[in-house]
PDB file of N, CA and C in Angstrom:
ATOM      1  N   UNK A   1       6.518   7.451  14.722  1.00  0.00           N
ATOM      2  CA  UNK A   1       5.927   7.504  13.826  1.00  0.00           C
ATOM      3  C   UNK A   1       5.963   8.405  12.678  1.00  0.00           C
ATOM      4  N   UNK A   2       4.911   8.501  11.439  1.00  0.00           N
ATOM      5  CA  UNK A   2       5.751   8.493  10.176  1.00  0.00           C
ATOM      6  C   UNK A   2       5.234  10.090  10.162  1.00  0.00           C
ATOM      7  N   UNK A   3       5.438  10.774   9.538  1.00  0.00           N
ATOM      8  CA  UNK A   3       4.665  12.359   9.489  1.00  0.00           C
ATOM      9  C   UNK A   3       4.614  13.176   8.031  1.00  0.00           C
ATOM     10  N   UNK A   4       4.179  14.280   7.888  1.00  0.00           N
ATOM     11  CA  UNK A   4       4.553  14.409   6.815  1.00  0.00           C
ATOM     12  C   UNK A   4       5.311  15.104   6.584  1.00  0.00           C
ATOM     13  N   UNK A   5       6.466  16.359   8.112  1.00  0.00           N
ATOM     14  CA  UNK A   5       7.525  16.641   8.167  1.00  0.00           C
ATOM     15  C   UNK A   5       9.052  15.495   7.416  1.00  0.00           C
ATOM     16  N   UNK A   6       8.613  14.159   7.691  1.00  0.00           N
ATOM     17  CA  UNK A   6       9.459  13.252   6.802  1.00  0.00           C
ATOM     18  C   UNK A   6       9.549  12.811   5.576  1.00  0.00           C
ATOM     19  N   UNK A   7       8.869  13.707   5.262  1.00  0.00           N
ATOM     20  CA  UNK A   7       8.641  13.955   3.146  1.00  0.00           C
ATOM     21  C   UNK A   7       9.255  15.341   3.296  1.00  0.00           C
ATOM     22  N   UNK A   8      10.406  15.026   3.119  1.00  0.00           N
ATOM     23  CA  UNK A   8      10.892  17.278   3.552  1.00  0.00           C
ATOM     24  C   UNK A   8      10.458  17.415   0.960  1.00  0.00           C
ATOM     25  N   UNK A   9      10.444  18.383   0.988  1.00  0.00           N
ATOM     26  CA  UNK A   9      10.560  19.135  -0.440  1.00  0.00           C
ATOM     27  C   UNK A   9       8.650  18.243  -0.881  1.00  0.00           C
ATOM     28  N   UNK A  10       7.774  18.230   0.032  1.00  0.00           N
ATOM     29  CA  UNK A  10       6.940  17.920  -0.689  1.00  0.00           C
ATOM     30  C   UNK A  10       6.534  18.347  -0.219  1.00  0.00           C
ATOM     31  N   UNK A  11       4.948  19.272  -0.602  1.00  0.00           N
ATOM     32  CA  UNK A  11       3.643  20.153  -0.121  1.00  0.00           C
ATOM     33  C   UNK A  11       3.212  18.803   1.202  1.00  0.00           C
ATOM     34  N   UNK A  12       2.858  20.052   2.342  1.00  0.00           N
ATOM     35  CA  UNK A  12       2.283  18.971   3.117  1.00  0.00           C
ATOM     36  C   UNK A  12       0.993  18.306   2.889  1.00  0.00           C
ATOM     37  N   UNK A  13      -0.459  18.592   1.930  1.00  0.00           N
ATOM     38  CA  UNK A  13      -1.403  18.377   1.626  1.00  0.00           C
ATOM     39  C   UNK A  13      -0.750  17.097   0.895  1.00  0.00           C
ATOM     40  N   UNK A  14      -0.382  16.848   0.160  1.00  0.00           N
ATOM     41  CA  UNK A  14       0.334  15.841  -0.448  1.00  0.00           C
ATOM     42  C   UNK A  14       1.152  14.685  -0.625  1.00  0.00           C
ATOM     43  N   UNK A  15       2.064  14.990   1.216  1.00  0.00           N
ATOM     44  CA  UNK A  15       2.520  14.575   2.231  1.00  0.00           C
ATOM     45  C   UNK A  15       1.555  13.270   2.487  1.00  0.00           C
ATOM     46  N   UNK A  16       0.628  14.438   3.144  1.00  0.00           N
ATOM     47  CA  UNK A  16      -1.016  13.456   4.222  1.00  0.00           C
ATOM     48  C   UNK A  16      -1.326  12.471   3.149  1.00  0.00           C
ATOM     49  N   UNK A  17      -1.140  13.528   1.939  1.00  0.00           N
ATOM     50  CA  UNK A  17      -3.047  11.999   1.272  1.00  0.00           C
ATOM     51  C   UNK A  17      -1.749  10.288   0.973  1.00  0.00           C
ATOM     52  N   UNK A  18      -0.215  10.967   1.089  1.00  0.00           N
ATOM     53  CA  UNK A  18       0.463   9.825   0.365  1.00  0.00           C
ATOM     54  C   UNK A  18       0.606   9.062   1.653  1.00  0.00           C
ATOM     55  N   UNK A  19       0.641   9.635   2.664  1.00  0.00           N
ATOM     56  CA  UNK A  19       1.006   8.786   3.925  1.00  0.00           C
ATOM     57  C   UNK A  19      -0.805   7.897   4.187  1.00  0.00           C
ATOM     58  N   UNK A  20      -1.496   8.838   4.302  1.00  0.00           N
ATOM     59  CA  UNK A  20      -2.832   8.044   4.465  1.00  0.00           C
ATOM     60  C   UNK A  20      -3.162   6.444   3.729  1.00  0.00           C
ATOM     61  N   UNK A  21      -2.366   6.952   2.652  1.00  0.00           N
ATOM     62  CA  UNK A  21      -2.734   5.663   1.422  1.00  0.00           C
ATOM     63  C   UNK A  21      -1.828   5.199   1.893  1.00  0.00           C
ATOM     64  N   UNK A  22      -0.516   5.416   2.798  1.00  0.00           N
ATOM     65  CA  UNK A  22       0.731   3.861   2.609  1.00  0.00           C
ATOM     66  C   UNK A  22       0.252   3.448   3.488  1.00  0.00           C
ATOM     67  N   UNK A  23      -0.601   3.848   5.116  1.00  0.00           N
ATOM     68  CA  UNK A  23      -1.124   2.533   6.023  1.00  0.00           C
ATOM     69  C   UNK A  23      -1.689   1.920   5.332  1.00  0.00           C
ATOM     70  N   UNK A  24      -2.667   2.803   4.507  1.00  0.00           N
ATOM     71  CA  UNK A  24      -3.152   1.429   4.047  1.00  0.00           C
ATOM     72  C   UNK A  24      -3.070   0.144   3.012  1.00  0.00           C
ATOM     73  N   UNK A  25      -1.820   0.588   2.621  1.00  0.00           N
ATOM     74  CA  UNK A  25      -1.180  -0.337   2.153  1.00  0.00           C
ATOM     75  C   UNK A  25      -0.594  -1.117   2.705  1.00  0.00           C
ATOM     76  N   UNK A  26       0.223  -0.773   3.851  1.00  0.00           N
ATOM     77  CA  UNK A  26       1.111  -1.400   5.179  1.00  0.00           C
ATOM     78  C   UNK A  26       1.016  -0.834   6.415  1.00  0.00           C
ATOM     79  N   UNK A  27      -0.262  -1.606   6.971  1.00  0.00           N
ATOM     80  CA  UNK A  27      -0.846  -0.941   8.578  1.00  0.00           C
ATOM     81  C   UNK A  27       0.313  -0.681   9.128  1.00  0.00           C
ATOM     82  N   UNK A  28       1.450  -1.330   9.426  1.00  0.00           N
ATOM     83  CA  UNK A  28       2.117  -0.993  10.261  1.00  0.00           C
ATOM     84  C   UNK A  28       3.234  -0.165   9.999  1.00  0.00           C
ATOM     85  N   UNK A  29       3.002   0.546   8.728  1.00  0.00           N
ATOM     86  CA  UNK A  29       4.358   1.695   8.640  1.00  0.00           C
ATOM     87  C   UNK A  29       4.623   2.356  10.069  1.00  0.00           C
ATOM     88  N   UNK A  30       3.924   2.838  10.587  1.00  0.00           N
ATOM     89  CA  UNK A  30       4.029   3.877  11.129  1.00  0.00           C
ATOM     90  C   UNK A  30       4.936   3.458  12.894  1.00  0.00           C
ATOM     91  N   UNK A  31       5.218   2.576  12.611  1.00  0.00           N
ATOM     92  CA  UNK A  31       6.107   1.175  13.698  1.00  0.00           C
ATOM     93  C   UNK A  31       7.488   1.194  13.470  1.00  0.00           C
ATOM     94  N   UNK A  32       7.608   1.084  12.396  1.00  0.00           N
ATOM     95  CA  UNK A  32       9.170   1.542  11.871  1.00  0.00           C
ATOM     96  C   UNK A  32      10.270   2.012  12.103  1.00  0.00           C
ATOM     97  N   UNK A  33      11.841   1.569  13.002  1.00  0.00           N
ATOM     98  CA  UNK A  33      12.741   2.299  13.425  1.00  0.00           C
ATOM     99  C   UNK A  33      13.682   1.603  12.387  1.00  0.00           C
ATOM    100  N   UNK A  34      14.670   2.951  12.800  1.00  0.00           N
ATOM    101  CA  UNK A  34      15.714   2.706  12.029  1.00  0.00           C
ATOM    102  C   UNK A  34      16.272   2.530  10.307  1.00  0.00           C
ATOM    103  N   UNK A  35      16.467   1.956   9.952  1.00  0.00           N
ATOM    104  CA  UNK A  35      16.742   1.580   8.530  1.00  0.00           C
ATOM    105  C   UNK A  35      15.845   1.339   7.821  1.00  0.00           C
ATOM    106  N   UNK A  36      14.819   0.744   8.714  1.00  0.00           N
ATOM    107  CA  UNK A  36      13.548   0.240   8.396  1.00  0.00           C
ATOM    108  C   UNK A  36      12.544   1.163   7.841  1.00  0.00           C
ATOM    109  N   UNK A  37      13.229   2.002   8.594  1.00  0.00           N
ATOM    110  CA  UNK A  37      11.998   3.539   8.154  1.00  0.00           C
ATOM    111  C   UNK A  37      12.551   4.062   7.298  1.00  0.00           C
ATOM    112  N   UNK A  38      13.816   4.516   7.415  1.00  0.00           N
ATOM    113  CA  UNK A  38      14.563   5.165   6.167  1.00  0.00           C
ATOM    114  C   UNK A  38      14.378   4.901   4.826  1.00  0.00           C
ATOM    115  N   UNK A  39      14.166   3.430   5.132  1.00  0.00           N
ATOM    116  CA  UNK A  39      13.596   3.101   3.531  1.00  0.00           C
ATOM    117  C   UNK A  39      12.323   3.151   2.720  1.00  0.00           C
ATOM    118  N   UNK A  40      11.479   3.151   4.268  1.00  0.00           N
ATOM    119  CA  UNK A  40      10.078   3.415   4.115  1.00  0.00           C
ATOM    120  C   UNK A  40       9.395   5.015   3.449  1.00  0.00           C
ATOM    121  N   UNK A  41      10.543   5.526   4.004  1.00  0.00           N
ATOM    122  CA  UNK A  41      10.612   6.948   3.585  1.00  0.00           C
ATOM    123  C   UNK A  41      10.726   6.858   2.061  1.00  0.00           C
ATOM    124  N   UNK A  42      12.088   6.663   1.643  1.00  0.00           N
ATOM    125  CA  UNK A  42      12.423   7.022   1.093  1.00  0.00           C
ATOM    126  C   UNK A  42      11.601   6.383  -0.188  1.00  0.00           C
ATOM    127  N   UNK A  43      10.878   5.382   0.131  1.00  0.00           N
ATOM    128  CA  UNK A  43       9.389   4.839  -0.686  1.00  0.00           C
ATOM    129  C   UNK A  43       8.515   5.877  -0.982  1.00  0.00           C
ATOM    130  N   UNK A  44       8.303   6.173   0.047  1.00  0.00           N
ATOM    131  CA  UNK A  44       7.107   7.550   0.004  1.00  0.00           C
ATOM    132  C   UNK A  44       7.792   8.394  -0.684  1.00  0.00           C
ATOM    133  N   UNK A  45       8.889   9.088  -0.673  1.00  0.00           N
ATOM    134  CA  UNK A  45       9.254  10.296  -1.136  1.00  0.00           C
ATOM    135  C   UNK A  45       9.093   9.688  -2.673  1.00  0.00           C
ATOM    136  N   UNK A  46       9.759   9.136  -3.275  1.00  0.00           N
ATOM    137  CA  UNK A  46       9.406   8.344  -4.420  1.00  0.00           C
ATOM    138  C   UNK A  46       7.730   8.338  -5.220  1.00  0.00           C
ATOM    139  N   UNK A  47       6.909   7.578  -3.928  1.00  0.00           N
ATOM    140  CA  UNK A  47       5.661   7.867  -4.832  1.00  0.00           C
ATOM    141  C   UNK A  47       4.955   9.676  -4.764  1.00  0.00           C
ATOM    142  N   UNK A  48       5.612  10.059  -3.536  1.00  0.00           N
ATOM    143  CA  UNK A  48       5.132  11.566  -3.431  1.00  0.00           C
ATOM    144  C   UNK A  48       5.466  12.680  -4.953  1.00  0.00           C
ATOM    145  N   UNK A  49       6.696  12.012  -4.798  1.00  0.00           N
ATOM    146  CA  UNK A  49       7.369  12.665  -6.414  1.00  0.00           C
ATOM    147  C   UNK A  49       6.565  13.229  -7.213  1.00  0.00           C
ATOM    148  N   UNK A  50       6.493  11.219  -7.343  1.00  0.00           N
ATOM    149  CA  UNK A  50       5.181  10.969  -8.716  1.00  0.00           C
ATOM    150  C   UNK A  50       3.964  11.806  -8.408  1.00  0.00           C
ATOM    151  N   UNK A  51       3.216  12.278  -7.484  1.00  0.00           N
ATOM    152  CA  UNK A  51       2.199  12.630  -7.209  1.00  0.00           C
ATOM    153  C   UNK A  51       2.280  14.468  -7.958  1.00  0.00           C
ATOM    154  N   UNK A  52       3.405  14.586  -7.035  1.00  0.00           N
ATOM    155  CA  UNK A  52       3.565  16.356  -7.187  1.00  0.00           C
ATOM    156  C   UNK A  52       4.222  16.770  -8.900  1.00  0.00           C
ATOM    157  N   UNK A  53       4.302  15.786  -9.996  1.00  0.00           N
ATOM    158  CA  UNK A  53       5.072  16.078 -11.224  1.00  0.00           C
ATOM    159  C   UNK A  53       3.769  15.729 -11.607  1.00  0.00           C
ATOM    160  N   UNK A  54       2.786  16.607 -13.211  1.00  0.00           N
ATOM    161  CA  UNK A  54       2.324  15.949 -13.528  1.00  0.00           C
ATOM    162  C   UNK A  54       2.714  15.921 -14.801  1.00  0.00           C
ATOM    163  N   UNK A  55       3.052  14.200 -14.696  1.00  0.00           N
ATOM    164  CA  UNK A  55       3.556  13.188 -15.805  1.00  0.00           C
ATOM    165  C   UNK A  55       2.246  13.055 -16.280  1.00  0.00           C
ATOM    166  N   UNK A  56       2.696  12.585 -17.670  1.00  0.00           N
ATOM    167  CA  UNK A  56       1.653  11.999 -19.054  1.00  0.00           C
ATOM    168  C   UNK A  56       1.233  10.700 -18.271  1.00  0.00           C
ATOM    169  N   UNK A  57       1.468   9.636 -18.414  1.00  0.00           N
ATOM    170  CA  UNK A  57       0.967   8.872 -17.224  1.00  0.00           C
ATOM    171  C   UNK A  57       0.363   8.744 -16.368  1.00  0.00           C
ATOM    172  N   UNK A  58      -0.144   9.859 -15.621  1.00  0.00           N
ATOM    173  CA  UNK A  58      -1.357  10.358 -14.455  1.00  0.00           C
ATOM    174  C   UNK A  58      -2.203  10.545 -14.897  1.00  0.00           C
ATOM    175  N   UNK A  59      -2.409  11.344 -16.118  1.00  0.00           N
ATOM    176  CA  UNK A  59      -3.680  11.573 -17.029  1.00  0.00           C
ATOM    177  C   UNK A  59      -4.642  10.912 -17.364  1.00  0.00           C
ATOM    178  N   UNK A  60      -5.368  10.480 -16.778  1.00  0.00           N
ATOM    179  CA  UNK A  60      -6.550   9.453 -17.235  1.00  0.00           C
ATOM    180  C   UNK A  60      -7.204  10.149 -18.348  1.00  0.00           C
ATOM    181  N   UNK A  61      -7.737  11.890 -18.782  1.00  0.00           N
ATOM    182  CA  UNK A  61      -8.481  11.956 -19.334  1.00  0.00           C
ATOM    183  C   UNK A  61      -8.543  13.539 -19.672  1.00  0.00           C
ATOM    184  N   UNK A  62      -8.743  13.596 -21.579  1.00  0.00           N
ATOM    185  CA  UNK A  62      -8.299  14.839 -21.626  1.00  0.00           C
ATOM    186  C   UNK A  62      -9.964  15.884 -22.232  1.00  0.00           C
ATOM    187  N   UNK A  63     -10.095  16.683 -22.397  1.00  0.00           N
ATOM    188  CA  UNK A  63     -11.117  16.878 -23.039  1.00  0.00           C
ATOM    189  C   UNK A  63     -10.551  18.209 -23.919  1.00  0.00           C
ATOM    190  N   UNK A  64     -10.472  18.898 -25.393  1.00  0.00           N
ATOM    191  CA  UNK A  64     -10.586  20.238 -25.402  1.00  0.00           C
ATOM    192  C   UNK A  64     -11.537  21.326 -25.847  1.00  0.00           C
ATOM    193  N   UNK A  65     -12.487  21.133 -25.309  1.00  0.00           N
ATOM    194  CA  UNK A  65     -14.010  22.376 -25.650  1.00  0.00           C
ATOM    195  C   UNK A  65     -14.024  22.239 -24.037  1.00  0.00           C
ATOM    196  N   UNK A  66     -13.852  23.202 -22.932  1.00  0.00           N
ATOM    197  CA  UNK A  66     -13.398  23.285 -21.957  1.00  0.00           C
ATOM    198  C   UNK A  66     -12.099  23.075 -21.435  1.00  0.00           C
ATOM    199  N   UNK A  67     -11.609  22.542 -22.199  1.00  0.00           N
ATOM    200  CA  UNK A  67     -10.091  22.852 -21.383  1.00  0.00           C
ATOM    201  C   UNK A  67     -10.099  21.489 -20.252  1.00  0.00           C
ATOM    202  N   UNK A  68     -10.555  20.281 -19.982  1.00  0.00           N
ATOM    203  CA  UNK A  68     -10.914  19.564 -19.041  1.00  0.00           C
ATOM    204  C   UNK A  68      -9.895  18.810 -18.707  1.00  0.00           C
ATOM    205  N   UNK A  69      -8.484  18.143 -17.611  1.00  0.00           N
ATOM    206  CA  UNK A  69      -8.100  16.898 -17.426  1.00  0.00           C
ATOM    207  C   UNK A  69      -8.240  16.434 -16.129  1.00  0.00           C
ATOM    208  N   UNK A  70      -8.263  14.813 -16.446  1.00  0.00           N
ATOM    209  CA  UNK A  70      -8.437  14.080 -15.519  1.00  0.00           C
ATOM    210  C   UNK A  70      -7.769  13.272 -15.301  1.00  0.00           C
ATOM    211  N   UNK A  71      -7.162  13.487 -13.936  1.00  0.00           N
ATOM    212  CA  UNK A  71      -6.086  12.646 -13.817  1.00  0.00           C
ATOM    213  C   UNK A  71      -6.356  11.314 -12.433  1.00  0.00           C
ATOM    214  N   UNK A  72      -6.123  10.597 -12.820  1.00  0.00           N
ATOM    215  CA  UNK A  72      -5.599   9.078 -12.211  1.00  0.00           C
ATOM    216  C   UNK A  72      -5.714   9.149 -10.627  1.00  0.00           C
ATOM    217  N   UNK A  73      -6.033   7.743 -10.000  1.00  0.00           N
ATOM    218  CA  UNK A  73      -6.545   7.941  -8.451  1.00  0.00           C
ATOM    219  C   UNK A  73      -5.036   7.385  -8.137  1.00  0.00           C
ATOM    220  N   UNK A  74      -4.972   8.557  -6.099  1.00  0.00           N
ATOM    221  CA  UNK A  74      -3.909   8.152  -5.688  1.00  0.00           C
ATOM    222  C   UNK A  74      -2.984   6.647  -5.546  1.00  0.00           C
ATOM    223  N   UNK A  75      -4.278   5.509  -6.046  1.00  0.00           N
ATOM    224  CA  UNK A  75      -2.872   4.565  -5.910  1.00  0.00           C
ATOM    225  C   UNK A  75      -2.120   4.261  -7.424  1.00  0.00           C
ATOM    226  N   UNK A  76      -2.320   5.366  -8.046  1.00  0.00           N
ATOM    227  CA  UNK A  76      -1.908   4.997  -8.558  1.00  0.00           C
ATOM    228  C   UNK A  76       0.013   6.196  -9.271  1.00  0.00           C
ATOM    229  N   UNK A  77      -0.314   6.166  -7.744  1.00  0.00           N
ATOM    230  CA  UNK A  77       1.465   7.366  -7.547  1.00  0.00           C
ATOM    231  C   UNK A  77       2.523   5.977  -6.231  1.00  0.00           C
ATOM    232  N   UNK A  78       1.333   5.014  -6.723  1.00  0.00           N
ATOM    233  CA  UNK A  78       2.014   4.065  -5.942  1.00  0.00           C
ATOM    234  C   UNK A  78       2.668   2.842  -6.700  1.00  0.00           C
ATOM    235  N   UNK A  79       3.640   2.151  -7.534  1.00  0.00           N
ATOM    236  CA  UNK A  79       4.129   1.392  -8.429  1.00  0.00           C
ATOM    237  C   UNK A  79       3.664   0.058  -7.621  1.00  0.00           C
ATOM    238  N   UNK A  80       3.842  -0.936  -8.046  1.00  0.00           N
ATOM    239  CA  UNK A  80       3.897  -2.521  -7.493  1.00  0.00           C
ATOM    240  C   UNK A  80       4.647  -2.682  -6.677  1.00  0.00           C
ATOM    241  N   UNK A  81       6.273  -2.316  -7.219  1.00  0.00           N
ATOM    242  CA  UNK A  81       7.129  -2.674  -6.602  1.00  0.00           C
ATOM    243  C   UNK A  81       7.435  -1.999  -4.953  1.00  0.00           C
ATOM    244  N   UNK A  82       6.547  -0.275  -5.631  1.00  0.00           N
ATOM    245  CA  UNK A  82       6.245   0.320  -3.872  1.00  0.00           C
ATOM    246  C   UNK A  82       5.802  -0.189  -2.728  1.00  0.00           C
ATOM    247  N   UNK A  83       4.463  -0.679  -3.453  1.00  0.00           N
ATOM    248  CA  UNK A  83       3.382  -1.405  -2.551  1.00  0.00           C
ATOM    249  C   UNK A  83       3.779  -2.921  -2.322  1.00  0.00           C
ATOM    250  N   UNK A  84       4.864  -3.456  -2.664  1.00  0.00           N
ATOM    251  CA  UNK A  84       5.621  -4.732  -1.942  1.00  0.00           C
ATOM    252  C   UNK A  84       6.669  -4.614  -1.679  1.00  0.00           C
ATOM    253  N   UNK A  85       7.684  -3.199  -1.691  1.00  0.00           N
ATOM    254  CA  UNK A  85       8.308  -2.936  -0.709  1.00  0.00           C
ATOM    255  C   UNK A  85       8.116  -2.421   0.269  1.00  0.00           C
ATOM    256  N   UNK A  86       6.163  -1.559   0.635  1.00  0.00           N
ATOM    257  CA  UNK A  86       6.367  -1.177   1.994  1.00  0.00           C
ATOM    258  C   UNK A  86       5.613  -2.584   2.988  1.00  0.00           C
ATOM    259  N   UNK A  87       5.288  -3.094   1.552  1.00  0.00           N
ATOM    260  CA  UNK A  87       4.285  -4.676   2.719  1.00  0.00           C
ATOM    261  C   UNK A  87       5.922  -5.200   3.390  1.00  0.00           C
ATOM    262  N   UNK A  88       7.083  -5.161   2.795  1.00  0.00           N
ATOM    263  CA  UNK A  88       8.063  -6.418   3.309  1.00  0.00           C
ATOM    264  C   UNK A  88       9.050  -5.902   4.232  1.00  0.00           C
ATOM    265  N   UNK A  89       8.797  -4.018   4.333  1.00  0.00           N
ATOM    266  CA  UNK A  89       9.077  -3.691   5.540  1.00  0.00           C
ATOM    267  C   UNK A  89       8.270  -4.225   6.365  1.00  0.00           C
ATOM    268  N   UNK A  90       7.205  -4.003   6.002  1.00  0.00           N
ATOM    269  CA  UNK A  90       6.689  -3.751   7.623  1.00  0.00           C
ATOM    270  C   UNK A  90       6.309  -5.747   7.955  1.00  0.00           C
ATOM    271  N   UNK A  91       6.649  -6.636   7.142  1.00  0.00           N
ATOM    272  CA  UNK A  91       6.203  -8.320   7.120  1.00  0.00           C
ATOM    273  C   UNK A  91       5.239  -8.457   6.630  1.00  0.00           C
ATOM    274  N   UNK A  92       4.546  -7.657   6.161  1.00  0.00           N
ATOM    275  CA  UNK A  92       3.481  -8.145   5.093  1.00  0.00           C
ATOM    276  C   UNK A  92       3.697  -8.935   3.758  1.00  0.00           C
ATOM    277  N   UNK A  93       4.021 -10.023   3.449  1.00  0.00           N
ATOM    278  CA  UNK A  93       4.864  -9.954   1.945  1.00  0.00           C
ATOM    279  C   UNK A  93       3.275 -10.609   2.009  1.00  0.00           C
ATOM    280  N   UNK A  94       2.090 -10.288   2.136  1.00  0.00           N
ATOM    281  CA  UNK A  94       1.293 -11.197   0.846  1.00  0.00           C
ATOM    282  C   UNK A  94       0.469 -10.162   0.254  1.00  0.00           C
ATOM    283  N   UNK A  95       0.289 -10.288  -1.159  1.00  0.00           N
ATOM    284  CA  UNK A  95      -0.093  -9.031  -1.727  1.00  0.00           C
ATOM    285  C   UNK A  95      -2.240  -9.949  -1.571  1.00  0.00           C
ATOM    286  N   UNK A  96      -2.132 -10.715  -1.365  1.00  0.00           N
ATOM    287  CA  UNK A  96      -3.664 -10.645  -1.387  1.00  0.00           C
ATOM    288  C   UNK A  96      -3.689 -11.466   0.005  1.00  0.00           C
ATOM    289  N   UNK A  97      -4.856 -10.911   1.312  1.00  0.00           N
ATOM    290  CA  UNK A  97      -4.838 -11.142   2.178  1.00  0.00           C
ATOM    291  C   UNK A  97      -5.620 -12.536   3.098  1.00  0.00           C
ATOM    292  N   UNK A  98      -4.914 -13.461   3.381  1.00  0.00           N
ATOM    293  CA  UNK A  98      -5.878 -14.327   3.996  1.00  0.00           C
ATOM    294  C   UNK A  98      -6.573 -14.805   4.874  1.00  0.00           C
ATOM    295  N   UNK A  99      -7.480 -14.927   5.150  1.00  0.00           N
ATOM    296  CA  UNK A  99      -8.061 -15.247   6.293  1.00  0.00           C
ATOM    297  C   UNK A  99      -6.862 -15.301   7.831  1.00  0.00           C
ATOM    298  N   UNK A 100      -7.437 -15.060   8.577  1.00  0.00           N
ATOM    299  CA  UNK A 100      -6.434 -14.543  10.520  1.00  0.00           C
ATOM    300  C   UNK A 100      -7.569 -16.011  11.058  1.00  0.00           C
ATOM    301  N   UNK A 101      -6.810 -17.099  12.183  1.00  0.00           N
ATOM    302  CA  UNK A 101      -7.941 -17.725  13.106  1.00  0.00           C
ATOM    303  C   UNK A 101      -7.230 -18.913  12.473  1.00  0.00           C
ATOM    304  N   UNK A 102      -8.370 -19.353  14.318  1.00  0.00           N
ATOM    305  CA  UNK A 102      -8.220 -20.831  14.665  1.00  0.00           C
ATOM    306  C   UNK A 102      -9.668 -21.257  13.691  1.00  0.00           C
ATOM    307  N   UNK A 103      -9.033 -22.371  12.789  1.00  0.00           N
ATOM    308  CA  UNK A 103     -10.481 -23.140  12.241  1.00  0.00           C
ATOM    309  C   UNK A 103     -10.290 -24.200  12.741  1.00  0.00           C
ATOM    310  N   UNK A 104     -11.824 -24.861  12.921  1.00  0.00           N
ATOM    311  CA  UNK A 104     -12.173 -25.802  12.982  1.00  0.00           C
ATOM    312  C   UNK A 104     -11.216 -27.452  12.169  1.00  0.00           C
ATOM    313  N   UNK A 105     -11.033 -28.317  12.589  1.00  0.00           N
ATOM    314  CA  UNK A 105     -10.240 -29.382  12.065  1.00  0.00           C
ATOM    315  C   UNK A 105     -11.073 -30.516  11.484  1.00  0.00           C
ATOM    316  N   UNK A 106     -12.192 -31.093  12.204  1.00  0.00           N
ATOM    317  CA  UNK A 106     -13.205 -31.611  12.050  1.00  0.00           C
ATOM    318  C   UNK A 106     -14.490 -30.903  11.136  1.00  0.00           C
ATOM    319  N   UNK A 107     -14.951 -31.938  10.328  1.00  0.00           N
ATOM    320  CA  UNK A 107     -16.088 -31.262   9.401  1.00  0.00           C
ATOM    321  C   UNK A 107     -16.845 -31.937   9.311  1.00  0.00           C
ATOM    322  N   UNK A 108     -18.313 -31.801   8.974  1.00  0.00           N
ATOM    323  CA  UNK A 108     -19.493 -32.339   9.241  1.00  0.00           C
ATOM    324  C   UNK A 108     -19.121 -34.465   8.841  1.00  0.00           C
ATOM    325  N   UNK A 109     -18.684 -34.276   7.518  1.00  0.00           N
ATOM    326  CA  UNK A 109     -18.365 -35.138   6.109  1.00  0.00           C
ATOM    327  C   UNK A 109     -17.443 -36.097   7.116  1.00  0.00           C
ATOM    328  N   UNK A 110     -16.907 -36.097   8.266  1.00  0.00           N
ATOM    329  CA  UNK A 110     -16.273 -36.955   9.149  1.00  0.00           C
ATOM    330  C   UNK A 110     -16.779 -37.819   9.504  1.00  0.00           C
ATOM    331  N   UNK A 111     -18.093 -38.170   9.641  1.00  0.00           N
ATOM    332  CA  UNK A 111     -18.771 -38.982  10.470  1.00  0.00           C
ATOM    333  C   UNK A 111     -19.018 -40.293   9.330  1.00  0.00           C
ATOM    334  N   UNK A 112     -18.999 -39.898   7.562  1.00  0.00           N
ATOM    335  CA  UNK A 112     -19.690 -40.336   7.092  1.00  0.00           C
ATOM    336  C   UNK A 112     -18.493 -41.257   6.135  1.00  0.00           C
ATOM    337  N   UNK A 113     -17.373 -39.610   5.912  1.00  0.00           N
ATOM    338  CA  UNK A 113     -16.121 -40.703   5.162  1.00  0.00           C
ATOM    339  C   UNK A 113     -15.213 -40.163   6.337  1.00  0.00           C
ATOM    340  N   UNK A 114     -14.543 -41.245   7.038  1.00  0.00           N
ATOM    341  CA  UNK A 114     -13.869 -40.861   7.817  1.00  0.00           C
ATOM    342  C   UNK A 114     -12.195 -40.309   6.763  1.00  0.00           C
ATOM    343  N   UNK A 115     -11.213 -39.791   7.014  1.00  0.00           N
ATOM    344  CA  UNK A 115     -10.448 -38.992   6.780  1.00  0.00           C
ATOM    345  C   UNK A 115      -9.019 -39.345   7.469  1.00  0.00           C
ATOM    346  N   UNK A 116      -8.193 -40.220   6.972  1.00  0.00           N
ATOM    347  CA  UNK A 116      -6.747 -39.873   7.868  1.00  0.00           C
ATOM    348  C   UNK A 116      -6.746 -38.870   8.812  1.00  0.00           C
ATOM    349  N   UNK A 117      -5.807 -39.509   9.831  1.00  0.00           N
ATOM    350  CA  UNK A 117      -5.206 -37.884  10.651  1.00  0.00           C
ATOM    351  C   UNK A 117      -4.159 -38.131  10.043  1.00  0.00           C
ATOM    352  N   UNK A 118      -3.578 -36.675   9.313  1.00  0.00           N
ATOM    353  CA  UNK A 118      -2.960 -36.443   8.678  1.00  0.00           C
ATOM    354  C   UNK A 118      -1.573 -35.317   9.646  1.00  0.00           C
ATOM    355  N   UNK A 119      -1.471 -35.698  11.035  1.00  0.00           N
ATOM    356  CA  UNK A 119      -0.615 -34.341  11.956  1.00  0.00           C
ATOM    357  C   UNK A 119       0.386 -34.849  11.830  1.00  0.00           C
TER     358      UNK A 119
END
């Protein structure tokens, strides 16, 4: 199981947030071992470093009077490539979730308009 200790050099709180969000991207990330786990840690370190730096692209809005700065959400710490990489490591290569289960093949209209059997 991945822990915040795996993300060395990153503040504990930031590492925990990165791991929680990574689990929402790729739910099976804690089951990785060996080379796949090492690759996932590198991807997470990249996202965590992005979170730690105050890069200008993370700024969502600024104000001068009363000096406020708003930053983007945690999701912006992960690039599309990093999200896809995490999904591919866990075997989830579909970016859009599709229904899972068995569905009936016969429809009520089958009795009115018989379809060819395409098995």
